[in-house]
């Protein structure tokens, strides 16, 4: 099981956006399997959140992972992934379709909403992308 912590951030909404992803074998492990810290251009915060999930899934699958548990502090993304909320925004629909397609390549997938304090590393990685700009 791979645990992904994903976060997206936008300086302005829309504004310059960045993503952060931290992958670990266990929730508490200090050792990362991989991390992503990337600027993604001018976007809304929600697009940044979805893009963090997408990039985390892409990298995990590329590495041959088949079982994922994703943690995000974006309640919107978690509820949209679980089908509690519909994804209606035209900018989010294509990203959600890509995410849904990637999930079909997994044996197991779980997405969990966590408090922002529990997602510090992913937040740090997103902010690191801003600082390297």
N, C-alpha and C. Protein backbone atom coordinates (compact mmCIF):
# COMPACT_ATOMS: atom_id res chain seq x y z
N UNK A 1 0.86 -1.19 0.00
CA UNK A 1 0.00 0.00 0.00
C UNK A 1 0.89 1.23 0.00
N UNK A 2 0.59 2.16 -0.91
CA UNK A 2 1.30 3.43 -0.94
C UNK A 2 0.35 4.50 -0.44
N UNK A 3 0.84 5.35 0.45
CA UNK A 3 0.06 6.46 0.99
C UNK A 3 0.51 7.75 0.32
N UNK A 4 -0.43 8.43 -0.34
CA UNK A 4 -0.14 9.70 -1.02
C UNK A 4 -0.77 10.85 -0.25
N UNK A 5 0.03 11.87 -0.01
CA UNK A 5 -0.47 13.10 0.59
C UNK A 5 -0.38 14.16 -0.51
N UNK A 6 -1.52 14.72 -0.91
CA UNK A 6 -1.57 15.63 -2.06
C UNK A 6 -2.13 16.98 -1.64
N UNK A 7 -1.56 18.05 -2.22
CA UNK A 7 -2.05 19.39 -1.94
C UNK A 7 -1.80 20.29 -3.14
N UNK A 8 -2.71 21.19 -3.37
CA UNK A 8 -2.58 22.19 -4.41
C UNK A 8 -2.76 23.56 -3.78
N UNK A 9 -2.10 24.55 -4.35
CA UNK A 9 -2.20 25.91 -3.81
C UNK A 9 -2.20 26.91 -4.96
N UNK A 10 -2.87 28.02 -4.72
CA UNK A 10 -2.94 29.07 -5.73
C UNK A 10 -2.77 30.42 -5.04
N UNK A 11 -1.84 31.22 -5.53
CA UNK A 11 -1.63 32.58 -5.01
C UNK A 11 -2.56 33.50 -5.79
N UNK A 12 -3.77 33.63 -5.27
CA UNK A 12 -4.85 34.29 -5.98
C UNK A 12 -5.76 33.19 -6.50
N UNK A 13 -6.95 33.52 -6.86
CA UNK A 13 -7.87 32.47 -7.31
C UNK A 13 -8.71 32.99 -8.48
N UNK A 14 -8.23 32.90 -9.72
CA UNK A 14 -7.04 32.16 -10.14
C UNK A 14 -5.76 32.96 -9.90
N UNK A 15 -4.65 32.23 -9.96
CA UNK A 15 -3.35 32.82 -9.77
C UNK A 15 -2.28 31.78 -10.01
N UNK A 16 -1.04 32.16 -9.76
CA UNK A 16 0.06 31.22 -9.91
C UNK A 16 -0.18 30.04 -8.98
N UNK A 17 -0.13 28.84 -9.53
CA UNK A 17 -0.49 27.65 -8.77
C UNK A 17 0.66 26.66 -8.70
N UNK A 18 0.64 25.87 -7.63
CA UNK A 18 1.67 24.86 -7.42
C UNK A 18 1.04 23.64 -6.77
N UNK A 19 1.74 22.51 -6.90
CA UNK A 19 1.28 21.27 -6.29
C UNK A 19 2.39 20.66 -5.45
N UNK A 20 1.96 19.88 -4.47
CA UNK A 20 2.88 19.12 -3.65
C UNK A 20 2.32 17.73 -3.42
N UNK A 21 3.16 16.71 -3.57
CA UNK A 21 2.75 15.33 -3.33
C UNK A 21 3.87 14.63 -2.58
N UNK A 22 3.51 13.91 -1.55
CA UNK A 22 4.46 13.11 -0.78
C UNK A 22 3.93 11.68 -0.71
N UNK A 23 4.77 10.72 -1.11
CA UNK A 23 4.37 9.31 -1.11
C UNK A 23 5.19 8.54 -0.08
N UNK A 24 4.48 7.80 0.77
CA UNK A 24 5.13 7.04 1.84
C UNK A 24 4.50 5.65 1.95
N UNK A 25 5.27 4.71 2.45
CA UNK A 25 4.74 3.36 2.67
C UNK A 25 3.73 3.34 3.81
N UNK A 26 4.02 4.09 4.87
CA UNK A 26 3.07 4.19 5.98
C UNK A 26 2.80 5.67 6.23
N UNK A 27 1.67 5.94 6.86
CA UNK A 27 1.29 7.32 7.15
C UNK A 27 2.37 8.06 7.94
N UNK A 28 2.94 7.38 8.92
CA UNK A 28 3.87 8.02 9.85
C UNK A 28 5.31 7.98 9.38
N UNK A 29 5.63 7.23 8.36
CA UNK A 29 7.01 7.06 7.92
C UNK A 29 7.65 8.40 7.54
N UNK A 30 8.86 8.66 8.03
CA UNK A 30 9.56 9.87 7.61
C UNK A 30 10.18 9.72 6.21
N UNK A 31 10.33 8.49 5.74
CA UNK A 31 10.96 8.23 4.45
C UNK A 31 9.94 8.33 3.32
N UNK A 32 10.27 9.16 2.32
CA UNK A 32 9.40 9.30 1.16
C UNK A 32 9.85 8.36 0.04
N UNK A 33 8.88 7.76 -0.61
CA UNK A 33 9.14 6.95 -1.80
C UNK A 33 9.41 7.91 -2.97
N UNK A 34 8.60 8.96 -3.05
CA UNK A 34 8.84 10.04 -3.99
C UNK A 34 8.12 11.28 -3.50
N UNK A 35 8.51 12.41 -4.06
CA UNK A 35 7.80 13.66 -3.78
C UNK A 35 7.72 14.45 -5.08
N UNK A 36 6.73 15.32 -5.15
CA UNK A 36 6.54 16.20 -6.30
C UNK A 36 6.35 17.61 -5.77
N UNK A 37 7.07 18.55 -6.35
CA UNK A 37 6.95 19.97 -6.04
C UNK A 37 7.03 20.70 -7.37
N UNK A 38 5.88 21.22 -7.83
CA UNK A 38 5.82 21.70 -9.21
C UNK A 38 4.90 22.91 -9.37
N UNK A 39 5.38 23.92 -10.08
CA UNK A 39 4.52 25.02 -10.49
C UNK A 39 3.68 24.55 -11.67
N UNK A 40 2.41 24.92 -11.70
CA UNK A 40 1.53 24.48 -12.80
C UNK A 40 0.87 25.64 -13.54
N UNK A 41 1.40 26.84 -13.37
CA UNK A 41 0.89 27.99 -14.12
C UNK A 41 -0.28 28.68 -13.44
N UNK A 42 -1.02 29.45 -14.22
CA UNK A 42 -2.17 30.21 -13.71
C UNK A 42 -3.40 29.31 -13.66
N UNK A 43 -3.90 29.05 -12.46
CA UNK A 43 -5.06 28.18 -12.29
C UNK A 43 -5.82 28.56 -11.03
N UNK A 44 -6.98 27.96 -10.88
CA UNK A 44 -7.72 28.12 -9.63
C UNK A 44 -7.16 27.15 -8.59
N UNK A 45 -7.49 27.37 -7.34
CA UNK A 45 -7.05 26.47 -6.28
C UNK A 45 -7.61 25.07 -6.49
N UNK A 46 -8.86 24.96 -6.94
CA UNK A 46 -9.45 23.64 -7.14
C UNK A 46 -8.74 22.87 -8.25
N UNK A 47 -8.36 23.55 -9.31
CA UNK A 47 -7.60 22.88 -10.38
C UNK A 47 -6.25 22.42 -9.84
N UNK A 48 -5.62 23.24 -9.00
CA UNK A 48 -4.35 22.84 -8.39
C UNK A 48 -4.52 21.59 -7.52
N UNK A 49 -5.58 21.54 -6.74
CA UNK A 49 -5.84 20.37 -5.89
C UNK A 49 -6.02 19.11 -6.75
N UNK A 50 -6.82 19.22 -7.78
CA UNK A 50 -7.06 18.08 -8.67
C UNK A 50 -5.79 17.66 -9.40
N UNK A 51 -4.98 18.65 -9.80
CA UNK A 51 -3.74 18.34 -10.51
C UNK A 51 -2.76 17.62 -9.60
N UNK A 52 -2.72 17.98 -8.33
CA UNK A 52 -1.86 17.27 -7.37
C UNK A 52 -2.26 15.80 -7.30
N UNK A 53 -3.55 15.53 -7.23
CA UNK A 53 -4.03 14.15 -7.21
C UNK A 53 -3.64 13.43 -8.50
N UNK A 54 -3.86 14.08 -9.63
CA UNK A 54 -3.53 13.48 -10.93
C UNK A 54 -2.05 13.13 -11.02
N UNK A 55 -1.18 14.09 -10.69
CA UNK A 55 0.27 13.84 -10.79
C UNK A 55 0.71 12.74 -9.83
N UNK A 56 0.13 12.71 -8.64
CA UNK A 56 0.47 11.66 -7.68
C UNK A 56 0.07 10.28 -8.19
N UNK A 57 -1.10 10.19 -8.78
CA UNK A 57 -1.54 8.91 -9.36
C UNK A 57 -0.67 8.50 -10.54
N UNK A 58 -0.36 9.45 -11.41
CA UNK A 58 0.49 9.14 -12.57
C UNK A 58 1.83 8.57 -12.13
N UNK A 59 2.48 9.23 -11.18
CA UNK A 59 3.80 8.78 -10.72
C UNK A 59 3.70 7.42 -10.04
N UNK A 60 2.68 7.23 -9.22
CA UNK A 60 2.51 5.95 -8.50
C UNK A 60 2.33 4.79 -9.48
N UNK A 61 1.49 4.99 -10.46
CA UNK A 61 1.24 3.94 -11.44
C UNK A 61 2.49 3.69 -12.28
N UNK A 62 3.19 4.74 -12.63
CA UNK A 62 4.44 4.60 -13.39
C UNK A 62 5.45 3.74 -12.62
N UNK A 63 5.43 3.85 -11.29
CA UNK A 63 6.34 3.07 -10.46
C UNK A 63 5.83 1.66 -10.18
N UNK A 64 4.65 1.33 -10.72
CA UNK A 64 4.11 -0.02 -10.58
C UNK A 64 3.25 -0.24 -9.36
N UNK A 65 2.88 0.82 -8.68
CA UNK A 65 2.02 0.68 -7.50
C UNK A 65 0.61 0.28 -7.92
N UNK A 66 -0.01 -0.57 -7.14
CA UNK A 66 -1.36 -1.06 -7.46
C UNK A 66 -2.38 -0.77 -6.36
N UNK A 67 -1.89 -0.38 -5.17
CA UNK A 67 -2.78 -0.13 -4.04
C UNK A 67 -2.44 1.23 -3.45
N UNK A 68 -3.41 2.15 -3.52
CA UNK A 68 -3.17 3.52 -3.06
C UNK A 68 -4.20 3.98 -2.05
N UNK A 69 -3.70 4.72 -1.08
CA UNK A 69 -4.56 5.44 -0.14
C UNK A 69 -4.13 6.89 -0.24
N UNK A 70 -5.06 7.77 -0.59
CA UNK A 70 -4.76 9.19 -0.81
C UNK A 70 -5.36 10.02 0.32
N UNK A 71 -4.56 10.95 0.81
CA UNK A 71 -4.98 11.88 1.86
C UNK A 71 -4.94 13.28 1.29
N UNK A 72 -6.04 14.01 1.42
CA UNK A 72 -6.10 15.39 0.94
C UNK A 72 -6.88 16.25 1.93
N UNK A 73 -6.47 17.53 2.03
CA UNK A 73 -7.23 18.44 2.88
C UNK A 73 -8.31 19.18 2.09
N UNK A 74 -8.45 18.86 0.80
CA UNK A 74 -9.51 19.44 -0.02
C UNK A 74 -10.76 18.59 0.10
N UNK A 75 -11.69 19.06 0.90
CA UNK A 75 -12.95 18.34 1.08
C UNK A 75 -13.70 18.24 -0.25
N UNK A 76 -13.60 19.27 -1.08
CA UNK A 76 -14.28 19.27 -2.36
C UNK A 76 -13.79 18.10 -3.24
N UNK A 77 -12.48 17.96 -3.40
CA UNK A 77 -11.94 16.89 -4.24
C UNK A 77 -12.33 15.52 -3.69
N UNK A 78 -12.20 15.35 -2.40
CA UNK A 78 -12.54 14.06 -1.79
C UNK A 78 -14.01 13.73 -2.03
N UNK A 79 -14.89 14.69 -1.82
CA UNK A 79 -16.33 14.43 -2.01
C UNK A 79 -16.67 14.24 -3.49
N UNK A 80 -15.97 14.94 -4.38
CA UNK A 80 -16.21 14.72 -5.81
C UNK A 80 -15.72 13.33 -6.22
N UNK A 81 -14.60 12.90 -5.71
CA UNK A 81 -14.09 11.56 -6.03
C UNK A 81 -15.02 10.47 -5.50
N UNK A 82 -15.63 10.71 -4.37
CA UNK A 82 -16.53 9.71 -3.77
C UNK A 82 -17.94 9.77 -4.36
N UNK A 83 -18.19 10.76 -5.22
CA UNK A 83 -19.50 10.88 -5.85
C UNK A 83 -20.53 11.58 -4.98
N UNK A 84 -20.10 12.15 -3.87
CA UNK A 84 -21.01 12.88 -2.99
C UNK A 84 -21.40 14.21 -3.63
N UNK A 85 -20.40 14.86 -4.26
CA UNK A 85 -20.63 16.08 -5.03
C UNK A 85 -20.37 15.76 -6.50
N UNK A 86 -21.13 16.39 -7.37
CA UNK A 86 -20.89 16.26 -8.80
C UNK A 86 -19.76 17.22 -9.21
N UNK A 87 -19.03 16.84 -10.22
CA UNK A 87 -17.98 17.70 -10.77
C UNK A 87 -18.58 18.42 -11.97
N UNK A 88 -18.86 19.71 -11.80
CA UNK A 88 -19.55 20.47 -12.83
C UNK A 88 -18.67 21.50 -13.53
N UNK A 89 -17.64 21.97 -12.85
CA UNK A 89 -16.82 23.05 -13.40
C UNK A 89 -16.08 22.55 -14.65
N UNK A 90 -16.19 23.28 -15.77
CA UNK A 90 -15.58 22.83 -17.02
C UNK A 90 -14.06 22.60 -16.93
N UNK A 91 -13.39 23.33 -16.06
CA UNK A 91 -11.95 23.15 -15.91
C UNK A 91 -11.58 21.90 -15.13
N UNK A 92 -12.51 21.39 -14.33
CA UNK A 92 -12.24 20.21 -13.50
C UNK A 92 -12.63 18.90 -14.17
N UNK A 93 -13.62 18.95 -15.04
CA UNK A 93 -14.15 17.72 -15.65
C UNK A 93 -13.06 16.91 -16.38
N UNK A 94 -12.21 17.53 -17.23
CA UNK A 94 -11.19 16.72 -17.91
C UNK A 94 -10.18 16.09 -16.94
N UNK A 95 -9.84 16.83 -15.88
CA UNK A 95 -8.89 16.29 -14.90
C UNK A 95 -9.52 15.11 -14.17
N UNK A 96 -10.79 15.26 -13.79
CA UNK A 96 -11.46 14.15 -13.09
C UNK A 96 -11.55 12.92 -13.98
N UNK A 97 -11.82 13.12 -15.26
CA UNK A 97 -11.87 11.97 -16.18
C UNK A 97 -10.53 11.26 -16.24
N UNK A 98 -9.43 12.02 -16.27
CA UNK A 98 -8.10 11.41 -16.27
C UNK A 98 -7.85 10.65 -14.98
N UNK A 99 -8.23 11.24 -13.86
CA UNK A 99 -8.06 10.58 -12.56
C UNK A 99 -8.87 9.30 -12.52
N UNK A 100 -10.13 9.37 -12.94
CA UNK A 100 -10.98 8.17 -12.93
C UNK A 100 -10.39 7.06 -13.79
N UNK A 101 -9.82 7.41 -14.93
CA UNK A 101 -9.18 6.42 -15.81
C UNK A 101 -7.98 5.78 -15.12
N UNK A 102 -7.16 6.58 -14.46
CA UNK A 102 -5.99 6.05 -13.78
C UNK A 102 -6.38 5.10 -12.64
N UNK A 103 -7.43 5.44 -11.93
CA UNK A 103 -7.89 4.60 -10.82
C UNK A 103 -8.28 3.21 -11.30
N UNK A 104 -8.74 3.08 -12.54
CA UNK A 104 -9.12 1.75 -13.06
C UNK A 104 -7.91 0.82 -13.19
N UNK A 105 -6.69 1.36 -13.16
CA UNK A 105 -5.48 0.55 -13.25
C UNK A 105 -5.00 0.04 -11.89
N UNK A 106 -5.72 0.39 -10.84
CA UNK A 106 -5.33 0.01 -9.49
C UNK A 106 -6.16 -1.16 -8.97
N UNK A 107 -5.55 -1.93 -8.07
CA UNK A 107 -6.30 -2.98 -7.38
C UNK A 107 -7.18 -2.39 -6.29
N UNK A 108 -6.64 -1.40 -5.59
CA UNK A 108 -7.43 -0.74 -4.54
C UNK A 108 -7.08 0.75 -4.50
N UNK A 109 -8.11 1.54 -4.20
CA UNK A 109 -7.97 2.99 -4.13
C UNK A 109 -8.90 3.50 -3.05
N UNK A 110 -8.36 4.31 -2.17
CA UNK A 110 -9.15 4.94 -1.13
C UNK A 110 -8.71 6.39 -1.03
N UNK A 111 -9.65 7.30 -0.87
CA UNK A 111 -9.33 8.72 -0.70
C UNK A 111 -9.97 9.20 0.59
N UNK A 112 -9.17 9.91 1.40
CA UNK A 112 -9.58 10.29 2.74
C UNK A 112 -9.35 11.78 2.95
N UNK A 113 -10.35 12.46 3.50
CA UNK A 113 -10.20 13.87 3.84
C UNK A 113 -9.50 13.97 5.19
N UNK A 114 -8.46 14.82 5.24
CA UNK A 114 -7.74 15.05 6.49
C UNK A 114 -7.68 16.55 6.75
N UNK A 115 -7.41 16.88 7.99
CA UNK A 115 -7.26 18.28 8.35
C UNK A 115 -5.95 18.81 7.78
N UNK A 116 -5.91 20.08 7.55
CA UNK A 116 -4.74 20.72 6.94
C UNK A 116 -3.45 20.43 7.71
N UNK A 117 -3.55 20.39 9.04
CA UNK A 117 -2.37 20.14 9.88
C UNK A 117 -1.75 18.77 9.60
N UNK A 118 -2.56 17.83 9.14
CA UNK A 118 -2.08 16.47 8.86
C UNK A 118 -1.48 16.36 7.45
N UNK A 119 -1.53 17.45 6.68
CA UNK A 119 -1.06 17.44 5.30
C UNK A 119 0.11 18.41 5.11
N UNK A 120 0.89 18.60 6.17
CA UNK A 120 1.95 19.60 6.16
C UNK A 120 3.01 19.37 5.10
N UNK A 121 3.43 18.13 4.91
CA UNK A 121 4.51 17.86 3.96
C UNK A 121 4.09 18.22 2.53
N UNK A 122 2.88 17.84 2.13
CA UNK A 122 2.41 18.17 0.79
C UNK A 122 2.30 19.68 0.63
N UNK A 123 1.84 20.36 1.66
CA UNK A 123 1.76 21.82 1.64
C UNK A 123 3.16 22.43 1.51
N UNK A 124 4.13 21.90 2.25
CA UNK A 124 5.51 22.38 2.15
C UNK A 124 6.04 22.23 0.73
N UNK A 125 5.75 21.09 0.10
CA UNK A 125 6.23 20.85 -1.25
C UNK A 125 5.61 21.82 -2.26
N UNK A 126 4.33 22.13 -2.09
CA UNK A 126 3.69 23.11 -2.97
C UNK A 126 4.34 24.48 -2.78
N UNK A 127 4.59 24.86 -1.53
CA UNK A 127 5.23 26.15 -1.26
C UNK A 127 6.68 26.20 -1.73
N UNK A 128 7.35 25.07 -1.68
CA UNK A 128 8.71 24.97 -2.19
C UNK A 128 8.76 25.32 -3.69
N UNK A 129 7.76 24.88 -4.42
CA UNK A 129 7.71 25.20 -5.86
C UNK A 129 7.63 26.71 -6.07
N UNK A 130 6.87 27.42 -5.24
CA UNK A 130 6.79 28.88 -5.34
C UNK A 130 8.16 29.50 -5.06
N UNK A 131 8.83 29.01 -4.03
CA UNK A 131 10.10 29.58 -3.61
C UNK A 131 11.22 29.34 -4.61
N UNK A 132 11.10 28.32 -5.44
CA UNK A 132 12.12 28.04 -6.43
C UNK A 132 11.89 28.82 -7.72
N UNK A 133 10.77 29.53 -7.78
CA UNK A 133 10.43 30.29 -8.98
C UNK A 133 11.20 31.59 -9.02
